[in-house]
Protein backbone atom coordinates (compact mmCIF):
# COMPACT_ATOMS: atom_id res chain seq x y z
CA MET A 1 133.54 91.33 217.47
CA SER A 2 130.37 89.33 216.93
CA TRP A 3 128.37 89.97 213.78
CA ARG A 4 125.45 91.28 215.85
CA LEU A 5 127.60 93.96 217.47
CA ALA A 6 129.09 94.88 214.10
CA TYR A 7 125.58 95.16 212.65
CA LEU A 8 124.51 97.43 215.52
CA VAL A 9 127.49 99.73 214.91
CA LEU A 10 126.68 99.89 211.21
CA LEU A 11 123.05 100.62 212.07
CA ILE A 12 124.19 103.63 214.11
CA VAL A 13 126.25 104.80 211.13
CA ARG A 14 123.15 104.49 208.93
CA PHE A 15 121.17 106.54 211.44
CA TYR A 16 123.85 109.26 211.44
CA PHE A 17 123.62 109.68 207.67
CA THR A 18 119.83 109.67 207.93
CA LEU A 19 120.09 112.90 209.92
CA SER A 20 122.57 114.47 207.50
CA PRO A 21 120.76 116.85 205.07
CA SER A 22 122.66 115.97 201.90
CA TYR A 23 120.88 116.31 198.57
CA ILE A 24 121.78 113.59 196.05
CA HIS A 25 119.30 114.25 193.22
CA PRO A 26 116.32 116.60 192.70
CA ASP A 27 113.95 113.64 192.23
CA GLU A 28 114.21 112.80 195.93
CA HIS A 29 112.16 115.95 196.52
CA PHE A 30 110.30 116.82 193.33
CA GLN A 31 108.88 113.36 192.59
CA GLY A 32 107.52 112.67 196.05
CA PRO A 33 107.53 114.98 199.08
CA GLU A 34 107.13 118.14 196.96
CA ILE A 35 103.87 116.82 195.52
CA LEU A 36 102.17 115.50 198.64
CA ALA A 37 103.29 118.35 200.92
CA GLY A 38 101.09 120.65 198.88
CA ASP A 39 98.12 118.27 199.02
CA ILE A 40 98.41 117.45 202.73
CA PHE A 41 99.61 120.73 204.28
CA GLY A 42 98.40 123.19 201.65
CA TRP A 43 101.90 124.58 201.05
CA ASN A 44 103.05 126.33 197.88
CA VAL A 45 104.85 123.64 195.90
CA THR A 46 106.12 123.03 192.39
CA LYS A 47 104.57 120.13 190.52
CA THR A 48 106.93 118.92 187.83
CA TRP A 49 105.83 118.04 184.31
CA GLU A 50 105.33 114.37 185.20
CA PHE A 51 102.26 115.41 187.22
CA THR A 52 100.95 118.28 185.08
CA THR A 53 101.06 116.86 181.55
CA ASP A 54 97.86 115.76 179.82
CA TYR A 55 99.09 112.18 180.17
CA PRO A 56 100.55 111.94 183.72
CA ILE A 57 103.32 109.39 184.09
CA ARG A 58 103.57 109.12 187.89
CA SER A 59 101.03 107.23 189.98
CA ILE A 60 99.83 108.75 193.23
CA LEU A 61 99.06 105.53 195.14
CA PRO A 62 102.73 104.53 195.78
CA LEU A 63 103.50 108.14 196.73
CA TRP A 64 100.75 108.11 199.35
CA LEU A 65 102.06 104.86 200.80
CA ALA A 66 105.65 106.11 200.98
CA TYR A 67 105.26 109.82 201.76
CA GLY A 68 101.61 110.53 202.42
CA PHE A 69 101.34 108.11 205.35
CA PRO A 70 103.99 109.78 207.59
CA MET A 71 102.91 113.27 206.49
CA THR A 72 99.28 112.51 207.37
CA ILE A 73 100.33 111.34 210.83
CA LEU A 74 102.18 114.64 211.29
CA ARG A 75 99.05 116.56 210.30
CA TRP A 76 96.98 114.59 212.81
CA ILE A 77 99.46 115.51 215.56
CA TYR A 78 100.31 119.13 214.70
CA GLY A 79 97.46 120.20 212.46
CA MET A 80 98.30 122.34 209.43
CA SER A 81 101.05 124.30 211.22
CA VAL A 82 103.84 121.78 210.72
CA ASN A 83 107.43 123.02 210.59
CA PRO A 84 108.92 121.98 207.20
CA ILE A 85 112.17 120.78 208.80
CA LEU A 86 110.12 118.48 211.06
CA ALA A 87 108.33 117.06 208.02
CA TYR A 88 111.67 116.60 206.26
CA TYR A 89 113.25 114.64 209.08
CA CYS A 90 110.05 112.68 209.67
CA LEU A 91 110.27 111.36 206.09
CA ARG A 92 113.98 110.61 206.43
CA MET A 93 113.34 108.72 209.67
CA PHE A 94 110.50 106.80 208.04
CA PHE A 95 112.81 105.70 205.21
CA PHE A 96 115.45 104.74 207.78
CA LEU A 97 112.93 102.60 209.66
CA ILE A 98 111.65 100.76 206.60
CA SER A 99 115.23 100.34 205.41
CA PHE A 100 116.57 98.54 208.46
CA SER A 101 113.33 96.72 209.26
CA LEU A 102 111.73 95.70 205.96
CA GLU A 103 114.83 95.56 203.75
CA ASP A 104 117.06 93.82 206.30
CA TRP A 105 114.25 91.46 207.27
CA ALA A 106 113.77 90.48 203.63
CA LEU A 107 117.48 89.75 203.29
CA GLN A 108 117.30 87.40 206.25
CA GLU A 109 114.38 85.63 204.62
CA LEU A 110 116.45 85.12 201.46
CA GLY A 111 119.29 83.50 203.41
CA SER A 112 119.10 79.75 203.83
CA THR A 113 121.32 79.40 206.94
CA PRO A 114 122.17 81.66 209.92
CA LYS A 115 125.72 82.11 208.61
CA ILE A 116 124.50 83.21 205.17
CA ARG A 117 121.94 85.56 206.74
CA ALA A 118 124.62 87.23 208.83
CA HIS A 119 126.77 87.59 205.71
CA TYR A 120 123.89 89.25 203.83
CA LEU A 121 123.12 91.68 206.65
CA LEU A 122 126.72 92.76 207.27
CA PHE A 123 127.55 93.35 203.63
CA VAL A 124 124.40 95.35 202.95
CA ALA A 125 124.66 97.26 206.24
CA SER A 126 128.28 98.20 205.50
CA SER A 127 127.56 99.71 202.08
CA TYR A 128 127.46 103.50 201.66
CA VAL A 129 124.50 102.99 199.30
CA THR A 130 122.48 101.71 202.26
CA TRP A 131 123.61 104.64 204.42
CA THR A 132 122.85 107.33 201.86
CA TYR A 133 120.66 106.50 198.85
CA GLN A 134 118.41 104.11 200.75
CA THR A 135 117.66 106.64 203.52
CA HIS A 136 116.77 109.38 201.00
CA THR A 137 113.24 109.82 199.69
CA PHE A 138 113.78 108.25 196.26
CA SER A 139 111.14 106.18 194.51
CA ASN A 140 114.09 103.87 193.78
CA SER A 141 114.48 103.32 197.54
CA VAL A 142 110.84 102.27 197.70
CA GLU A 143 111.39 100.02 194.68
CA THR A 144 114.29 98.33 196.49
CA ILE A 145 112.10 97.27 199.40
CA ILE A 146 109.19 96.19 197.19
CA LEU A 147 111.55 94.06 195.08
CA ALA A 148 113.17 92.44 198.13
CA TRP A 149 109.81 91.29 199.48
CA THR A 150 108.62 90.23 196.04
CA LEU A 151 111.61 87.90 195.85
CA VAL A 152 110.87 86.61 199.36
CA LEU A 153 107.30 85.77 198.34
CA ILE A 154 108.43 84.11 195.11
CA ARG A 155 110.78 81.94 197.12
CA ARG A 156 108.11 81.06 199.69
CA ILE A 157 105.52 80.14 197.05
CA SER A 158 108.02 77.99 195.16
CA LEU A 159 108.79 75.97 198.32
CA ARG A 160 105.29 75.46 199.76
CA ASN A 161 102.40 73.21 198.89
CA PHE A 162 99.23 74.72 197.48
CA GLY A 163 97.04 73.56 200.34
CA HIS A 164 98.96 75.60 202.93
CA THR A 165 96.97 78.65 204.15
CA SER A 166 99.98 80.96 203.97
CA HIS A 167 100.45 79.94 200.33
CA PHE A 168 97.15 81.59 199.43
CA TRP A 169 98.04 84.80 201.22
CA SER A 170 101.53 84.78 199.73
CA CYS A 171 100.05 84.60 196.25
CA CYS A 172 97.67 87.48 196.96
CA LEU A 173 100.40 89.62 198.50
CA LEU A 174 102.75 88.85 195.62
CA GLY A 175 100.21 90.07 193.07
CA SER A 176 99.62 93.29 195.02
CA LEU A 177 103.35 93.99 195.44
CA VAL A 178 104.04 93.47 191.74
CA ALA A 179 101.23 95.87 190.83
CA ILE A 180 102.44 98.53 193.29
CA GLY A 181 105.99 98.04 192.04
CA VAL A 182 104.93 98.64 188.45
CA PHE A 183 102.90 101.74 189.35
CA ASN A 184 105.84 103.01 191.38
CA ARG A 185 108.41 102.53 188.58
CA ILE A 186 107.81 100.87 185.22
CA THR A 187 111.32 99.40 185.33
CA PHE A 188 110.24 97.10 188.19
CA PRO A 189 109.38 94.06 185.99
CA ALA A 190 112.94 94.06 184.64
CA TYR A 191 114.13 92.63 187.96
CA LEU A 192 111.60 89.76 187.81
CA ILE A 193 112.30 88.34 184.35
CA LEU A 194 114.62 85.61 185.65
CA PRO A 195 113.26 85.09 189.22
CA VAL A 196 109.76 84.41 187.90
CA TRP A 197 111.03 81.09 186.53
CA TYR A 198 111.16 79.87 190.12
CA LEU A 199 107.35 79.83 189.99
CA VAL A 200 107.00 77.81 186.78
CA PRO A 201 107.06 74.36 188.47
CA GLN A 202 104.51 75.61 191.02
CA PHE A 203 102.24 76.95 188.27
CA ILE A 204 102.42 73.62 186.47
CA ARG A 205 101.48 71.67 189.60
CA PHE A 206 98.93 74.19 190.91
CA PRO A 207 97.54 76.39 188.10
CA SER A 208 95.21 78.03 190.61
CA SER A 209 98.21 79.94 191.98
CA ILE A 210 98.28 81.97 188.77
CA ILE A 211 94.64 82.94 189.27
CA PHE A 212 95.20 84.19 192.82
CA ILE A 213 98.26 86.22 191.79
CA ALA A 214 96.56 87.65 188.72
CA LEU A 215 93.35 88.61 190.56
CA SER A 216 95.30 90.29 193.33
CA ALA A 217 97.45 92.21 190.84
CA LEU A 218 94.35 93.23 188.88
CA GLY A 219 92.52 94.43 191.98
CA THR A 220 95.48 96.52 193.15
CA SER A 221 95.94 97.94 189.64
CA LEU A 222 92.29 98.94 189.46
CA LEU A 223 92.64 100.66 192.83
CA ALA A 224 95.71 102.58 191.60
CA ILE A 225 93.92 103.57 188.39
CA TYR A 226 90.93 104.79 190.40
CA VAL A 227 93.12 106.84 192.74
CA ASP A 228 95.06 108.35 189.83
CA THR A 229 91.93 109.18 187.87
CA ARG A 230 90.40 110.95 190.87
CA TYR A 231 93.63 112.77 191.71
CA TYR A 232 94.23 114.06 188.18
CA GLU A 233 90.54 114.86 187.77
CA ALA A 234 90.43 113.08 184.42
CA SER A 235 87.32 112.16 182.51
CA ALA A 236 88.84 108.86 181.38
CA PRO A 237 90.87 106.28 183.35
CA VAL A 238 94.48 107.37 183.86
CA LEU A 239 96.99 104.58 183.15
CA THR A 240 100.23 106.10 184.44
CA PRO A 241 102.47 103.06 183.73
CA LEU A 242 101.27 103.01 180.11
CA ASN A 243 101.79 106.77 179.78
CA ASN A 244 105.25 106.40 181.28
CA PHE A 245 106.17 103.60 178.90
CA MET A 246 104.94 105.48 175.84
CA TYR A 247 106.89 108.56 176.86
CA ASN A 248 110.19 106.75 177.50
CA PHE A 249 109.80 104.57 174.43
CA ARG A 250 110.52 107.58 172.22
CA PRO A 251 114.25 108.36 171.88
CA GLU A 252 113.60 112.08 171.46
CA ASN A 253 112.00 112.16 174.91
CA LEU A 254 114.90 110.32 176.51
CA ALA A 255 117.28 112.79 174.85
CA LYS A 256 115.69 115.60 176.86
CA HIS A 257 116.93 113.96 180.05
CA GLY A 258 120.34 112.93 178.75
CA LEU A 259 121.53 109.99 176.66
CA HIS A 260 124.28 107.70 177.90
CA PRO A 261 126.20 104.86 176.25
CA ARG A 262 124.55 101.52 176.89
CA TYR A 263 127.56 100.33 178.85
CA THR A 264 127.19 103.12 181.46
CA HIS A 265 125.38 100.96 184.02
CA ILE A 266 127.88 98.12 183.81
CA LEU A 267 131.15 100.02 183.43
CA VAL A 268 130.40 103.22 185.38
CA ASN A 269 127.38 103.01 187.68
CA LEU A 270 127.93 99.54 189.14
CA PRO A 271 131.60 100.22 189.99
CA GLN A 272 130.54 103.53 191.56
CA LEU A 273 127.87 101.90 193.69
CA LEU A 274 129.66 98.67 194.58
CA GLY A 275 133.33 99.63 194.46
CA PRO A 276 135.55 96.77 195.72
CA TYR A 277 132.44 94.70 196.51
CA LEU A 278 132.12 94.16 192.77
CA LEU A 279 135.24 91.96 192.86
CA LEU A 280 133.55 89.66 195.39
CA VAL A 281 130.34 89.04 193.43
CA ARG A 282 130.11 85.41 192.38
CA PRO A 283 127.74 84.24 189.60
CA GLN A 284 125.20 81.83 191.04
CA LEU A 285 121.67 80.59 190.56
CA SER A 286 120.28 82.27 193.68
CA ILE A 287 117.12 84.30 193.27
CA ALA A 288 118.91 87.44 194.44
CA PHE A 289 121.67 87.21 191.83
CA LEU A 290 119.29 86.35 189.00
CA SER A 291 117.11 89.35 189.86
CA ALA A 292 120.09 91.72 189.99
CA ILE A 293 121.45 90.46 186.68
CA SER A 294 118.14 90.61 184.82
CA GLY A 295 117.43 94.15 186.05
CA THR A 296 120.90 95.42 185.16
CA ILE A 297 120.86 93.90 181.67
CA VAL A 298 117.37 95.15 180.80
CA LEU A 299 118.02 98.67 182.11
CA SER A 300 121.24 98.77 180.10
CA LEU A 301 119.20 98.51 176.91
CA PHE A 302 117.87 102.03 177.49
CA GLN A 303 120.17 104.99 176.93
CA HIS A 304 119.11 107.10 179.88
CA GLN A 305 121.12 105.51 182.69
CA GLU A 306 121.46 107.04 186.14
CA ALA A 307 123.17 105.29 189.03
CA ARG A 308 120.07 105.40 191.24
CA PHE A 309 118.17 103.24 188.72
CA LEU A 310 120.30 100.32 189.95
CA LEU A 311 119.50 100.79 193.65
CA PRO A 312 117.27 97.69 193.82
CA ALA A 313 120.12 95.57 192.43
CA ILE A 314 122.75 96.68 194.95
CA PRO A 315 121.62 94.70 198.04
CA LEU A 316 121.02 91.71 195.77
CA PHE A 317 124.56 91.88 194.37
CA LEU A 318 125.90 92.30 197.93
CA ALA A 319 123.96 89.18 198.91
CA SER A 320 125.75 87.36 196.08
CA THR A 321 129.28 88.04 197.31
CA SER A 322 131.81 85.61 198.67
CA ILE A 323 134.93 86.49 200.65
CA PRO A 324 138.09 84.71 199.38
CA LYS A 325 139.71 82.49 201.99
CA PHE A 326 143.14 84.07 201.50
CA ALA A 327 141.71 87.47 202.52
CA LEU A 328 141.00 86.12 206.02
CA SER A 329 143.94 83.72 206.33
CA THR A 330 145.98 86.07 208.56
CA SER A 331 145.14 88.94 210.88
CA SER A 332 147.00 91.49 208.73
CA ARG A 333 145.17 90.41 205.58
CA LYS A 334 141.86 90.54 207.40
CA TRP A 335 142.39 94.12 208.57
CA THR A 336 143.71 95.16 205.16
CA PHE A 337 140.55 93.74 203.63
CA ILE A 338 138.37 95.64 206.12
CA ALA A 339 140.38 98.85 205.62
CA ILE A 340 139.93 98.81 201.82
CA PHE A 341 136.18 98.48 202.08
CA GLY A 342 135.99 100.90 204.98
CA VAL A 343 137.92 103.65 203.15
CA PHE A 344 135.80 103.26 200.01
CA ASN A 345 132.53 103.51 201.94
CA ALA A 346 133.76 106.35 204.15
CA ILE A 347 134.82 108.49 201.16
CA LEU A 348 131.64 107.91 199.13
CA ALA A 349 129.42 108.30 202.19
CA GLY A 350 131.16 111.56 203.06
CA ILE A 351 130.56 112.87 199.56
CA PHE A 352 126.96 111.74 198.97
CA GLY A 353 125.81 111.53 202.57
CA ILE A 354 127.22 114.81 203.93
CA TYR A 355 128.70 117.24 201.42
CA HIS A 356 126.84 116.70 198.14
CA GLN A 357 124.64 119.82 197.82
CA GLY A 358 124.44 119.58 201.60
CA GLY A 359 123.69 123.25 202.28
CA ILE A 360 120.47 123.57 200.26
CA VAL A 361 118.08 122.06 202.80
CA PRO A 362 119.59 123.98 205.77
CA ALA A 363 119.60 127.23 203.76
CA GLN A 364 115.96 126.79 202.78
CA THR A 365 114.73 125.77 206.24
CA LEU A 366 117.07 127.61 208.62
CA TYR A 367 117.60 130.92 206.82
CA ILE A 368 115.38 131.57 203.79
CA GLY A 369 112.18 130.30 205.42
CA PRO A 370 112.51 132.07 208.80
CA HIS A 371 114.26 135.29 207.65
CA ALA A 372 113.19 136.12 204.08
CA SER A 373 110.39 138.65 203.83
CA THR A 374 107.25 138.01 201.80
CA SER A 375 108.51 140.27 199.01
CA SER A 376 112.12 139.07 198.83
CA ASP A 377 113.88 137.96 195.67
CA VAL A 378 115.99 134.85 196.31
CA VAL A 379 118.49 134.01 193.57
CA TRP A 380 119.89 130.47 193.68
CA TRP A 381 123.01 130.00 191.59
CA LYS A 382 125.08 126.89 190.85
CA THR A 383 123.04 124.65 193.14
CA TYR A 384 120.43 121.97 192.68
CA SER A 385 116.87 123.25 192.55
CA PRO A 386 115.76 124.28 196.05
CA PRO A 387 112.72 122.24 197.20
CA ASP A 388 109.82 124.68 197.53
CA TRP A 389 107.95 122.47 200.00
CA LEU A 390 110.63 123.27 202.59
CA LEU A 391 109.42 126.89 202.62
CA GLY A 392 106.25 125.68 204.32
CA GLU A 393 103.52 128.29 204.60
CA HIS A 394 105.55 131.00 202.84
CA GLU A 395 103.58 132.59 200.03
CA VAL A 396 105.55 132.06 196.81
CA GLY A 397 104.54 134.48 194.07
CA PHE A 398 106.99 133.72 191.27
CA ILE A 399 109.39 130.93 190.42
CA HIS A 400 111.85 130.73 187.55
CA ARG A 401 113.79 127.52 187.03
CA GLY A 402 116.45 126.96 184.42
CA THR A 403 119.69 128.22 182.98
CA VAL A 404 119.47 131.54 181.11
CA SER A 405 121.90 131.75 178.20
CA ASP A 406 121.19 135.24 176.83
CA VAL A 407 121.45 138.49 178.78
CA SER A 408 118.59 139.94 176.74
CA ASN A 409 116.25 137.35 178.25
CA VAL A 410 116.76 138.65 181.78
CA SER A 411 114.63 141.78 181.30
CA SER A 412 111.73 139.69 180.01
CA LEU A 413 111.96 137.51 183.14
CA ILE A 414 111.99 140.58 185.37
CA ALA A 415 108.79 141.72 183.66
CA LEU A 416 107.09 138.55 184.92
CA ASP A 417 108.16 139.29 188.48
CA LYS A 418 104.92 141.05 189.46
CA GLN A 419 103.16 138.56 191.72
CA PRO A 420 103.03 139.19 195.48
CA GLY A 421 105.00 136.83 197.67
CA LEU A 422 108.48 135.40 197.80
CA ARG A 423 110.14 135.28 194.38
CA VAL A 424 112.50 132.39 193.66
CA TRP A 425 115.10 132.55 190.88
CA ASP A 426 116.61 129.11 190.33
CA MET A 427 119.33 130.10 187.86
CA MET A 428 121.22 126.78 187.99
CA GLY A 429 124.51 127.10 186.06
CA SER A 430 123.89 130.44 184.32
CA HIS A 431 126.92 132.51 183.28
CA PRO A 432 128.15 135.09 185.83
CA ASP A 433 127.24 137.89 183.40
CA ILE A 434 123.62 136.69 183.49
CA ILE A 435 123.65 136.69 187.29
CA SER A 436 125.24 140.14 187.35
CA THR A 437 122.55 141.55 185.07
CA LEU A 438 119.77 139.92 187.08
CA LEU A 439 121.07 141.22 190.39
CA LYS A 440 121.47 144.74 188.97
CA MET A 441 117.87 144.74 187.73
CA LEU A 442 116.48 143.30 190.96
CA VAL A 443 118.33 145.84 193.11
CA THR A 444 117.15 148.64 190.84
CA SER A 445 113.60 147.34 191.05
CA VAL A 446 113.76 147.35 194.86
CA ARG A 447 115.01 150.97 194.90
CA GLN A 448 112.27 152.06 192.57
CA ARG A 449 109.63 150.47 194.79
CA HIS A 450 111.07 152.36 197.81
CA ASP A 451 110.73 149.27 200.00
CA ARG A 452 114.32 148.38 200.75
CA ASP A 453 113.48 147.25 204.29
CA ASP A 454 110.81 144.87 203.06
CA GLY A 455 112.11 143.84 199.67
CA ASP A 456 115.44 142.08 200.11
CA VAL A 457 117.49 140.57 197.31
CA LEU A 458 119.37 137.46 198.42
CA LEU A 459 121.97 135.45 196.55
CA VAL A 460 122.47 131.79 197.50
CA ALA A 461 125.55 130.18 195.97
CA PRO A 462 128.56 128.01 196.83
CA VAL A 463 131.26 130.09 198.52
CA ALA A 464 133.70 128.98 195.82
CA ALA A 465 131.36 129.36 192.82
CA LYS A 466 133.29 130.16 189.67
CA GLY A 467 132.72 133.83 188.81
CA LEU A 468 131.53 134.87 192.29
CA TYR A 469 134.74 136.89 192.80
CA LYS A 470 133.46 139.49 190.33
CA PHE A 471 130.60 140.43 192.65
CA LEU A 472 132.66 140.31 195.83
CA ASP A 473 135.61 142.43 194.79
CA ASP A 474 134.64 144.81 191.97
CA PRO A 475 133.66 148.30 193.24
CA SER A 476 132.32 149.26 189.82
CA PHE A 477 129.19 147.15 190.28
CA PRO A 478 126.08 149.04 191.38
CA PHE A 479 125.70 146.60 194.27
CA TYR A 480 127.79 144.78 196.82
CA LEU A 481 127.28 141.53 198.70
CA LYS A 482 127.02 141.21 202.45
CA LEU A 483 127.46 137.68 203.76
CA GLU A 484 124.56 136.78 206.05
CA TRP A 485 124.78 133.01 206.55
CA THR A 486 127.08 130.11 205.65
CA TYR A 487 126.95 126.35 205.83
CA SER A 488 130.30 124.59 205.64
CA ARG A 489 129.24 121.08 204.57
CA HIS A 490 128.27 121.80 200.99
CA MET A 491 129.95 120.71 197.77
CA ASN A 492 128.98 121.26 194.13
CA LEU A 493 130.55 118.47 192.07
CA ASP A 494 129.28 120.05 188.83
CA ASP A 495 131.52 123.11 189.22
CA LEU A 496 134.89 121.58 190.09
CA GLY A 497 138.07 122.85 188.45
CA ILE A 498 140.26 125.95 188.24
CA ASP A 499 138.87 129.30 187.14
CA TYR A 500 141.81 130.84 185.30
CA ASP A 501 139.88 134.08 184.78
CA GLU A 502 139.82 134.52 188.54
CA VAL A 503 143.56 133.78 188.73
CA MET A 504 144.28 136.34 186.03
CA TYR A 505 142.04 138.89 187.72
CA TYR A 506 143.88 138.77 191.03
CA ASN A 507 147.28 138.58 189.38
CA ARG A 508 146.53 141.71 187.37
CA ARG A 509 145.75 143.47 190.62
CA LEU A 510 149.05 142.30 192.08
CA ARG A 511 150.98 143.55 189.07
CA ARG A 512 149.88 147.08 189.88
CA HIS A 513 151.96 146.89 193.06
CA TYR A 514 155.07 145.26 191.66
CA ASP A 515 157.50 146.09 188.90
CA ILE A 516 157.68 142.76 187.15
CA ASN A 517 160.50 143.89 184.85
CA ASP A 518 162.95 144.12 187.74
CA LYS A 519 162.06 141.01 189.73
CA GLY A 520 162.14 137.26 189.27
CA ASP A 521 164.31 134.98 187.19
CA LYS A 522 164.43 134.77 183.45
CA ASN A 523 161.62 132.19 183.28
CA LYS A 524 159.17 133.24 185.96
CA ASN A 525 158.80 136.19 188.30
CA GLU A 526 157.32 136.02 191.79
CA ASN A 527 153.89 137.05 190.51
CA GLY A 528 153.60 133.99 188.29
CA TYR A 529 154.32 135.54 184.86
CA GLY A 530 157.01 134.59 182.39
CA GLU A 531 159.03 136.98 180.26
CA ASP A 532 156.31 137.00 177.58
CA GLY A 533 153.65 138.00 180.12
CA ALA A 534 151.95 134.59 180.06
CA LEU A 535 150.74 133.09 183.32
CA VAL A 536 153.02 130.29 184.56
CA LEU A 537 151.65 127.81 187.10
CA GLY A 538 153.61 124.98 188.62
CA THR A 539 152.19 121.77 190.04
CA TRP A 540 152.07 123.16 193.58
CA ASP A 541 150.40 126.34 192.32
CA ARG A 542 147.71 124.33 190.57
CA THR A 543 147.17 122.18 193.66
CA LYS A 544 146.70 125.22 195.88
CA LEU A 545 144.31 126.75 193.36
CA MET A 546 142.33 123.53 193.08
CA ILE A 547 141.92 123.44 196.85
CA SER A 548 141.10 127.13 197.32
CA GLN A 549 138.73 127.39 194.36
CA ASN A 550 136.81 124.23 195.29
CA ARG A 551 136.56 124.67 199.03
CA PRO A 552 133.24 123.44 200.48
CA GLY A 553 130.52 125.72 201.72
CA LEU A 554 127.28 127.46 200.78
CA GLY A 555 126.63 131.14 201.44
CA VAL A 556 123.66 133.48 201.57
CA TRP A 557 124.50 137.08 200.65
CA ARG A 558 122.28 140.11 200.90
CA VAL A 559 122.58 142.17 197.71
CA ILE A 560 122.81 145.85 198.68
CA SER A 561 122.69 148.78 196.29
CA ARG A 562 125.64 151.19 196.17
CA ASP A 563 124.75 154.85 196.43
CA PHE A 564 126.70 156.55 193.65
CA SER A 565 124.83 159.84 194.06
């Protein structure tokens, strides 16, 4: 198979995952599409604290370039009545297009020979990171493309004479890209600390190059500051990169988002993102490798370390790989080599590209949006936060987000539930007792309003959520659940494990039907209990429980009041 045919096949795989509605991290919605969907289409959206604080830390200009451009085209075509699912897939397709065109084009520019360029393209195109993360609407995905072209321009400028016309434009474009990169993410300069040394000889020979780059960067920065100041309606210039730096410079602020050991990027995140590719990375003085190394080292100095922060480094590390000759010496070794990398990418792509929180977008767009009434209460439990922009023109009257730890707090939340419109309860990982209390109060509230037909209470949760059995099987509750809709390709990695309370609950029910004193051997009876009444589980029992209690799927249940009168 020629490398071009292999690349085409991998491009089709990338397109397939583009159309898969997995949900990797809330920031892919709440730090981009969620913001501009409200501005462009007038939808009810949630603006996170980064955009509502007195000192905003996110710039609007990069968001308009990445998300506002395709959304504005949609508005020109369809007006204000755009279907949210159409807007969602339009953005995903846009990120797919810029991924395989701009990113892959930049990689070819960084290669010095046709053979090296083919190597770059195949390795990057075969990575699950390219299939999944890069086709999702992350600001890190945008940063990846900006960085790739910044490196291309640095390389071009370092190899050309000052008098060349394209040299002038390369300098101007470089300054603009650096400025946009910084306003997009303040971590962007970390990836340029080592590559910028490529320009030192050029700056010494032609100092005017510095002026062109600096003026271009300054002009673009002033434009971004102007746009941000107008958007946030501030009386003074808004410097979002400075605000972002000042916020993240304080350890107590980073602690709010989670602190990690400084080795997390190197020992955890890189192996997760690169897998066996990591064994093929060879230290070298190429601009791609130097950029990847400098970014990884600098980002490792900060204690908040998420895998997606390293997205810009992944294609650069993949471009710095070398296949050992012994791996291709025989046909069997060659196919073994391909199989190892194929299995790794297939497993991780299946998890992050298909199943990871994969039911949230379909539930929001295919069921909640079309079927929920304007006065429904929708309780989301043990899922990522549902993106409100996917509700489109739905009037949203009340939104609660966050885990509730005390049952006494539920009544105070219910008291706030007075606004007209759809009410969203994003309960995250709250204890089942909290959910039980909330559902009881919501059902009671609906009965008191005498609008059962118009005021539904819906529960959205994984079909195997720990604690869900209590609502499905206990007739003592003042409500019961009626399954209305399911989506099979959903997995919640934050709730994996065995719920022994559920095991004990069903075993106690079984013991009512069996006389355990007369059955079983002296160590364990057929119901799973030893002579002392303790639960005994073998390896096969635990395996079956692990499978059954962590089966994939997301469900939407209608919460219906029981009539005890």
